[in-house]
Amino acid sequence: MQRFLLTIACIVMLAVPAQSASRIKDIADFEGIRDNQLIGYGLVVGLQGTGDSLNNAPFTRQSLQAMLERLGVNTNEVDLNTDNTAAVMVTANLPPFATQGTRIDVTVSALGDADSLQGGTLLVTPLMGADGEAYAIAQGPVAIAGFEAQGDAASITRGVPTAGRIANGALVEREVDFKLATLRNVRIALRNPDLTTARRVAIAVNELIGLPTAEPLDPGTVQLSLPNGFNGNIVDLLTDIEQLLVEPDQPAKIVIDESSGIIVMGQQVKVSTVAVAQGNLTVTISESPEVIQPNPFANGQTAVQPRTDLKVTEDSTQLAVVDETITLQELVDGLNALGIGPRDLISILQAIKASGALQAEIEVL
């Protein structure tokens, strides 16, 4: 059972078959084709007493007063006391080449001490980019995945009722000025930078075109130039390039998440012949206090005398040899033969790395 858990729950084997190729569009991004993040501040109204406490959230009070004044309602001498309004932050991703009138999804998150956004409606909220310009306007009813219910003596919460989404809740009002078709040069950015992969991408592109138009600049970038006499623009060229198959290379790496005991090994991980011994040390502490009664007519007092029993148990283990591995499966089989748990395996891998027998990088999350 322990060996089964070690293989299934602890080790995720990224055993990529030989000659497994991926499309360039799946391993790289093209310059300019990207999302832009938007953010805005707004008010959600219509809550059933689950909004911000205006005394504890002065920014909600100020925003509510400013909104009412813009609508012609004078609130200077009015003591606002409502808990049906909540201040929220609104975020969204502006897709590449989104045109005016395109609808996008937005995420709404409470900013104050609101208990829930259920049943609320977001009022008109401008969404701005990093340059401070408004690119979209959001408004609409908020849909949340969680809920909260409470009584006089108990309450229950499921999910996160203070955050929700509005599907197609924003209209794009400003377009990002980027004309891809007019470019003569485009950079291809690898999502996992690697020198070998960058060179393979350049070779695949050059073989397709028949001219040296692609050049690797660094492990994460390949420069692509539109060849002279090409019958089309850069968009036509990128359409053909993104379908090319390239076998990505990856360094030997082991990723360890100590909090959950998860270990992920790459295909290139190798280990030299090494002997490993692992033993468990168990310390057992038991308390059995003893009550001491005084002798009759001794004018003494009943006392409790502590008594602690300590027991130390150490499992006897022998050295086990993990032979030099050629494939990831052989490495996993060798580690499974030790019959150890996930936590001990993490320590063993780190110790093998320290001894110089593990040809891989260890990254601890």
Protein backbone atom coordinates (compact mmCIF):
# COMPACT_ATOMS: atom_id res chain seq x y z
CA MET A 1 0.00 0.00 0.00
CA GLN A 2 2.84 2.35 0.84
CA ARG A 3 4.47 1.71 -2.52
CA PHE A 4 1.18 2.41 -4.31
CA LEU A 5 0.77 5.76 -2.55
CA LEU A 6 4.35 6.67 -3.32
CA THR A 7 3.83 6.14 -7.02
CA ILE A 8 0.37 7.62 -7.43
CA ALA A 9 0.03 10.38 -4.81
CA CYS A 10 3.60 11.54 -4.52
CA ILE A 11 5.32 11.32 -7.91
CA VAL A 12 3.95 12.84 -11.09
CA MET A 13 5.98 11.44 -13.95
CA LEU A 14 6.36 13.72 -16.92
CA ALA A 15 7.46 10.88 -19.14
CA VAL A 16 7.16 12.40 -22.60
CA PRO A 17 7.48 9.79 -25.32
CA ALA A 18 10.40 10.13 -27.67
CA GLN A 19 9.81 12.36 -30.68
CA SER A 20 6.73 13.95 -29.08
CA ALA A 21 6.27 17.27 -30.85
CA SER A 22 4.10 20.26 -30.08
CA ARG A 23 2.77 23.03 -32.26
CA ILE A 24 4.64 26.32 -32.06
CA LYS A 25 1.38 28.06 -31.06
CA ASP A 26 1.25 25.81 -27.97
CA ILE A 27 4.78 26.54 -26.74
CA ALA A 28 5.28 30.17 -27.76
CA ASP A 29 3.59 33.56 -28.00
CA PHE A 30 3.87 36.08 -30.80
CA GLU A 31 4.86 39.66 -30.04
CA GLY A 32 1.83 41.94 -29.72
CA ILE A 33 -0.75 39.17 -29.43
CA ARG A 34 -1.45 39.50 -25.71
CA ASP A 35 -4.07 40.43 -23.15
CA ASN A 36 -4.08 43.73 -21.27
CA GLN A 37 -5.19 43.91 -17.65
CA LEU A 38 -7.87 46.40 -16.63
CA ILE A 39 -8.95 47.59 -13.19
CA GLY A 40 -11.66 49.84 -11.81
CA TYR A 41 -13.40 50.93 -8.62
CA GLY A 42 -17.18 50.86 -8.32
CA LEU A 43 -20.26 50.31 -6.19
CA VAL A 44 -22.52 47.29 -5.92
CA VAL A 45 -26.07 48.13 -4.82
CA GLY A 46 -29.20 46.11 -4.05
CA LEU A 47 -27.70 43.93 -1.32
CA GLN A 48 -29.97 42.54 1.40
CA GLY A 49 -28.23 44.13 4.36
CA THR A 50 -24.91 42.41 3.56
CA GLY A 51 -23.07 45.47 2.29
CA ASP A 52 -20.44 47.70 3.85
CA SER A 53 -20.95 49.41 7.19
CA LEU A 54 -20.64 53.07 6.26
CA ASN A 55 -19.10 53.88 9.64
CA ASN A 56 -16.34 51.31 9.11
CA ALA A 57 -15.86 51.96 5.38
CA PRO A 58 -15.57 55.73 4.85
CA PHE A 59 -14.58 55.27 1.20
CA THR A 60 -17.95 53.61 0.57
CA ARG A 61 -19.74 56.58 2.16
CA GLN A 62 -17.76 59.07 0.09
CA SER A 63 -18.35 57.14 -3.13
CA LEU A 64 -22.07 56.85 -2.42
CA GLN A 65 -22.38 60.58 -1.72
CA ALA A 66 -20.41 61.48 -4.86
CA MET A 67 -22.59 59.23 -7.00
CA LEU A 68 -25.83 60.66 -5.60
CA GLU A 69 -24.61 64.22 -6.10
CA ARG A 70 -23.82 63.47 -9.76
CA LEU A 71 -27.40 62.27 -10.11
CA GLY A 72 -28.70 65.50 -8.57
CA VAL A 73 -29.35 64.27 -5.02
CA ASN A 74 -28.04 66.55 -2.25
CA THR A 75 -26.62 64.49 0.64
CA ASN A 76 -24.53 67.13 2.43
CA GLU A 77 -26.74 67.28 5.51
CA VAL A 78 -28.06 63.72 5.36
CA ASP A 79 -26.78 61.00 7.67
CA LEU A 80 -26.43 58.03 5.36
CA ASN A 81 -27.08 54.77 7.15
CA THR A 82 -27.46 51.93 4.67
CA ASP A 83 -25.90 48.50 4.45
CA ASN A 84 -27.19 47.67 0.98
CA THR A 85 -24.14 49.09 -0.81
CA ALA A 86 -20.60 47.73 -1.11
CA ALA A 87 -17.42 49.20 -2.57
CA VAL A 88 -15.75 46.77 -4.96
CA MET A 89 -12.70 46.42 -7.17
CA VAL A 90 -13.49 45.34 -10.73
CA THR A 91 -10.86 43.57 -12.83
CA ALA A 92 -10.87 42.22 -16.37
CA ASN A 93 -8.57 41.09 -19.17
CA LEU A 94 -8.82 42.97 -22.46
CA PRO A 95 -8.31 40.39 -25.21
CA PRO A 96 -5.90 41.18 -28.03
CA PHE A 97 -7.40 43.13 -30.92
CA ALA A 98 -10.73 43.59 -29.13
CA THR A 99 -12.82 46.15 -31.06
CA GLN A 100 -15.26 48.74 -29.76
CA GLY A 101 -18.51 47.17 -28.65
CA THR A 102 -16.95 43.80 -27.78
CA ARG A 103 -18.17 42.39 -24.48
CA ILE A 104 -15.75 40.89 -21.94
CA ASP A 105 -16.14 39.17 -18.55
CA VAL A 106 -15.31 41.02 -15.35
CA THR A 107 -14.52 39.93 -11.79
CA VAL A 108 -15.97 41.84 -8.84
CA SER A 109 -14.35 41.69 -5.36
CA ALA A 110 -15.52 43.40 -2.17
CA LEU A 111 -13.21 46.08 -0.81
CA GLY A 112 -14.82 46.84 2.56
CA ASP A 113 -16.47 44.72 5.26
CA ALA A 114 -19.39 43.47 3.17
CA ASP A 115 -20.59 39.98 4.08
CA SER A 116 -21.91 38.99 0.65
CA LEU A 117 -22.45 40.38 -2.84
CA GLN A 118 -25.37 38.06 -3.56
CA GLY A 119 -28.18 39.77 -5.41
CA GLY A 120 -26.16 42.95 -6.03
CA THR A 121 -25.82 44.99 -9.20
CA LEU A 122 -22.63 46.75 -10.23
CA LEU A 123 -23.15 50.34 -11.29
CA VAL A 124 -21.34 51.89 -14.25
CA THR A 125 -17.59 51.44 -13.60
CA PRO A 126 -14.81 52.58 -15.95
CA LEU A 127 -12.03 50.03 -16.35
CA MET A 128 -8.60 51.55 -16.85
CA GLY A 129 -5.34 50.19 -18.17
CA ALA A 130 -1.81 50.75 -16.92
CA ASP A 131 -1.67 54.05 -18.82
CA GLY A 132 -4.61 55.46 -16.86
CA GLU A 133 -6.97 55.47 -19.86
CA ALA A 134 -10.44 53.90 -19.70
CA TYR A 135 -10.74 50.99 -22.13
CA ALA A 136 -14.04 49.45 -21.04
CA ILE A 137 -17.19 50.19 -19.03
CA ALA A 138 -18.62 47.53 -16.68
CA GLN A 139 -22.14 47.19 -15.31
CA GLY A 140 -24.59 44.44 -14.49
CA PRO A 141 -25.82 41.90 -11.91
CA VAL A 142 -23.14 40.06 -9.95
CA ALA A 143 -23.19 36.25 -9.89
CA ILE A 144 -21.38 34.61 -6.97
CA ALA A 145 -20.48 30.96 -6.41
CA GLY A 146 -20.61 31.01 -2.61
CA PHE A 147 -23.30 31.74 -0.06
CA GLU A 148 -23.64 32.61 3.60
CA ALA A 149 -26.49 31.75 5.97
CA GLN A 150 -26.75 32.45 9.68
CA GLY A 151 -29.08 32.25 12.60
CA ASP A 152 -29.01 33.46 16.16
CA ALA A 153 -26.43 30.92 17.35
CA ALA A 154 -24.79 29.51 14.23
CA SER A 155 -23.73 30.46 10.71
CA ILE A 156 -22.41 28.66 7.64
CA THR A 157 -20.39 29.88 4.67
CA ARG A 158 -19.67 28.07 1.42
CA GLY A 159 -17.26 29.40 -1.17
CA VAL A 160 -16.42 33.11 -1.27
CA PRO A 161 -19.60 35.21 -1.22
CA THR A 162 -17.63 38.46 -1.36
CA ALA A 163 -16.36 37.88 -4.90
CA GLY A 164 -18.24 37.19 -8.11
CA ARG A 165 -18.27 37.56 -11.87
CA ILE A 166 -20.37 39.30 -14.48
CA ALA A 167 -20.42 37.37 -17.73
CA ASN A 168 -20.08 39.77 -20.67
CA GLY A 169 -20.35 42.53 -18.09
CA ALA A 170 -18.15 45.14 -19.77
CA LEU A 171 -18.22 46.89 -23.13
CA VAL A 172 -14.94 47.78 -24.82
CA GLU A 173 -14.87 51.52 -25.52
CA ARG A 174 -11.25 52.01 -26.61
CA GLU A 175 -9.10 49.80 -28.81
CA VAL A 176 -5.42 49.10 -28.30
CA ASP A 177 -3.61 50.66 -31.24
CA PHE A 178 -1.51 47.82 -32.62
CA LYS A 179 -1.46 46.94 -36.30
CA LEU A 180 0.06 43.48 -36.62
CA ALA A 181 -0.36 43.24 -40.39
CA THR A 182 1.96 46.20 -41.01
CA LEU A 183 4.93 44.73 -39.15
CA ARG A 184 7.97 43.44 -41.00
CA ASN A 185 9.55 41.79 -37.97
CA VAL A 186 7.96 39.79 -35.13
CA ARG A 187 9.55 38.15 -32.11
CA ILE A 188 8.45 34.68 -31.01
CA ALA A 189 8.59 34.35 -27.21
CA LEU A 190 8.95 30.83 -25.81
CA ARG A 191 6.83 30.15 -22.72
CA ASN A 192 9.58 27.89 -21.32
CA PRO A 193 12.87 29.48 -22.42
CA ASP A 194 15.43 26.98 -23.65
CA LEU A 195 18.34 27.33 -26.06
CA THR A 196 17.70 24.02 -27.81
CA THR A 197 14.00 24.70 -28.26
CA ALA A 198 14.66 28.20 -29.63
CA ARG A 199 17.07 26.79 -32.20
CA ARG A 200 14.62 24.06 -33.20
CA VAL A 201 11.88 26.66 -33.73
CA ALA A 202 14.15 28.73 -35.95
CA ILE A 203 15.17 25.67 -37.98
CA ALA A 204 11.53 24.61 -38.47
CA VAL A 205 10.53 28.09 -39.66
CA ASN A 206 13.46 28.38 -42.05
CA GLU A 207 12.73 24.94 -43.52
CA LEU A 208 9.11 25.98 -44.15
CA ILE A 209 10.01 29.22 -45.90
CA GLY A 210 13.21 28.06 -47.56
CA LEU A 211 15.05 31.20 -46.48
CA PRO A 212 16.95 32.14 -43.29
CA THR A 213 14.20 34.40 -41.94
CA ALA A 214 14.17 33.16 -38.33
CA GLU A 215 17.06 33.63 -35.92
CA PRO A 216 17.27 32.65 -32.22
CA LEU A 217 18.28 35.71 -30.18
CA ASP A 218 18.31 34.14 -26.71
CA PRO A 219 16.79 31.12 -24.92
CA GLY A 220 13.34 32.74 -24.92
CA THR A 221 13.21 34.74 -28.18
CA VAL A 222 13.29 33.96 -31.89
CA GLN A 223 13.41 36.89 -34.31
CA LEU A 224 11.22 36.45 -37.40
CA SER A 225 11.49 38.70 -40.47
CA LEU A 226 9.04 38.86 -43.36
CA PRO A 227 10.97 37.60 -46.41
CA ASN A 228 11.19 39.80 -49.48
CA GLY A 229 8.71 38.86 -52.15
CA PHE A 230 6.45 36.99 -49.72
CA ASN A 231 2.93 36.89 -51.15
CA GLY A 232 1.10 38.10 -48.06
CA ASN A 233 1.64 39.94 -44.78
CA ILE A 234 3.03 38.89 -41.44
CA VAL A 235 -0.36 37.50 -40.37
CA ASP A 236 -0.33 34.98 -43.23
CA LEU A 237 3.19 33.94 -42.29
CA LEU A 238 2.36 33.51 -38.60
CA THR A 239 -0.69 31.41 -39.52
CA ASP A 240 1.55 28.91 -41.28
CA ILE A 241 4.27 29.02 -38.64
CA GLU A 242 2.06 28.37 -35.60
CA GLN A 243 1.05 24.98 -37.00
CA LEU A 244 4.64 23.72 -37.30
CA LEU A 245 5.59 20.82 -35.03
CA VAL A 246 8.65 21.25 -32.79
CA GLU A 247 9.94 18.90 -30.11
CA PRO A 248 10.58 21.12 -27.06
CA ASP A 249 13.58 20.36 -24.90
CA GLN A 250 13.61 20.80 -21.13
CA PRO A 251 16.29 20.77 -18.42
CA ALA A 252 16.45 18.05 -15.82
CA LYS A 253 14.44 19.37 -12.90
CA ILE A 254 12.65 18.06 -9.81
CA VAL A 255 9.95 20.27 -8.32
CA ILE A 256 9.04 19.64 -4.67
CA ASP A 257 6.06 21.05 -2.80
CA GLU A 258 6.93 20.31 0.82
CA SER A 259 3.56 21.50 2.16
CA SER A 260 1.61 18.84 0.25
CA GLY A 261 4.34 16.25 -0.32
CA ILE A 262 4.04 16.41 -4.13
CA ILE A 263 7.09 15.63 -6.26
CA VAL A 264 7.25 16.27 -10.01
CA MET A 265 10.16 14.85 -12.01
CA GLY A 266 11.11 15.81 -15.54
CA GLN A 267 11.95 13.29 -18.22
CA GLN A 268 15.65 14.14 -18.24
CA VAL A 269 16.25 13.38 -14.53
CA LYS A 270 19.06 10.87 -14.07
CA VAL A 271 20.83 9.49 -11.01
CA SER A 272 24.20 7.77 -10.67
CA THR A 273 24.61 4.57 -8.69
CA VAL A 274 24.12 5.42 -5.03
CA ALA A 275 23.46 3.55 -1.76
CA VAL A 276 20.66 4.86 0.46
CA ALA A 277 19.65 3.91 4.01
CA GLN A 278 16.55 5.33 5.63
CA GLY A 279 15.33 4.70 9.16
CA ASN A 280 12.47 5.98 11.28
CA LEU A 281 13.01 7.17 14.84
CA THR A 282 9.86 7.07 16.98
CA VAL A 283 9.66 8.72 20.40
CA THR A 284 6.64 7.79 22.56
CA ILE A 285 5.75 9.91 25.61
CA SER A 286 2.98 8.80 27.98
CA GLU A 287 1.81 10.53 31.14
CA SER A 288 0.35 8.49 34.05
CA PRO A 289 0.19 10.77 37.10
CA GLU A 290 -0.11 9.03 40.51
CA VAL A 291 -2.29 10.28 43.35
CA ILE A 292 -0.59 10.17 46.78
CA GLN A 293 -2.81 10.06 49.87
CA PRO A 294 -1.49 11.14 53.32
CA ASN A 295 -1.46 8.73 56.26
CA PRO A 296 -4.51 8.75 58.51
CA PHE A 297 -4.47 11.52 61.14
CA ALA A 298 -1.24 12.88 59.64
CA ASN A 299 -2.73 16.29 58.78
CA GLY A 300 -1.31 15.91 55.28
CA GLN A 301 -2.79 16.84 51.89
CA THR A 302 -3.59 14.76 48.86
CA ALA A 303 -1.00 15.35 46.14
CA VAL A 304 -0.55 14.35 42.53
CA GLN A 305 2.90 13.12 41.55
CA PRO A 306 3.68 13.23 37.80
CA ARG A 307 5.04 10.13 36.15
CA THR A 308 6.31 10.14 32.57
CA ASP A 309 7.21 7.10 30.49
CA LEU A 310 9.57 7.61 27.55
CA LYS A 311 10.16 5.02 24.84
CA VAL A 312 12.41 5.37 21.81
CA THR A 313 12.04 2.96 18.87
CA GLU A 314 14.30 2.99 15.82
CA ASP A 315 13.54 0.87 12.77
CA SER A 316 16.48 -1.18 11.65
CA THR A 317 17.20 -0.69 7.94
CA GLN A 318 19.95 -1.67 5.59
CA LEU A 319 21.63 0.14 2.76
CA ALA A 320 19.73 -0.13 -0.52
CA VAL A 321 21.42 0.46 -3.85
CA VAL A 322 19.73 2.62 -6.47
CA ASP A 323 21.42 1.67 -9.74
CA GLU A 324 22.38 4.19 -12.35
CA THR A 325 19.24 5.08 -14.28
CA ILE A 326 18.69 5.65 -17.97
CA THR A 327 14.98 6.36 -18.02
CA LEU A 328 12.62 8.09 -15.61
CA GLN A 329 10.76 4.84 -15.08
CA GLU A 330 13.95 3.14 -13.86
CA LEU A 331 14.54 5.97 -11.39
CA VAL A 332 10.99 5.71 -10.03
CA ASP A 333 11.27 1.93 -9.73
CA GLY A 334 14.53 2.30 -7.82
CA LEU A 335 13.05 4.79 -5.37
CA ASN A 336 9.91 2.69 -4.93
CA ALA A 337 12.08 -0.29 -4.04
CA LEU A 338 13.15 1.58 -0.89
CA GLY A 339 9.55 1.39 0.39
CA ILE A 340 9.49 4.91 1.80
CA GLY A 341 6.85 7.60 2.15
CA PRO A 342 6.58 10.94 0.35
CA ARG A 343 8.12 13.02 3.17
CA ASP A 344 11.16 10.76 3.45
CA LEU A 345 11.53 10.70 -0.33
CA ILE A 346 11.90 14.48 -0.38
CA SER A 347 14.77 14.28 2.11
CA ILE A 348 16.39 11.42 0.20
CA LEU A 349 16.28 13.31 -3.11
CA GLN A 350 17.87 16.35 -1.47
CA ALA A 351 20.55 14.16 0.09
CA ILE A 352 21.30 12.44 -3.24
CA LYS A 353 21.58 15.87 -4.86
CA ALA A 354 24.01 16.99 -2.14
CA SER A 355 26.15 13.91 -2.78
CA GLY A 356 26.47 14.83 -6.46
CA ALA A 357 24.74 11.66 -7.70
CA LEU A 358 21.58 13.40 -8.94
CA GLN A 359 21.92 15.10 -12.33
CA ALA A 360 18.98 17.48 -11.98
CA GLU A 361 18.00 20.78 -10.46
CA ILE A 362 15.77 20.68 -7.38
CA GLU A 363 13.23 23.48 -6.99
CA VAL A 364 11.34 23.70 -3.71
CA LEU A 365 8.04 25.56 -3.82
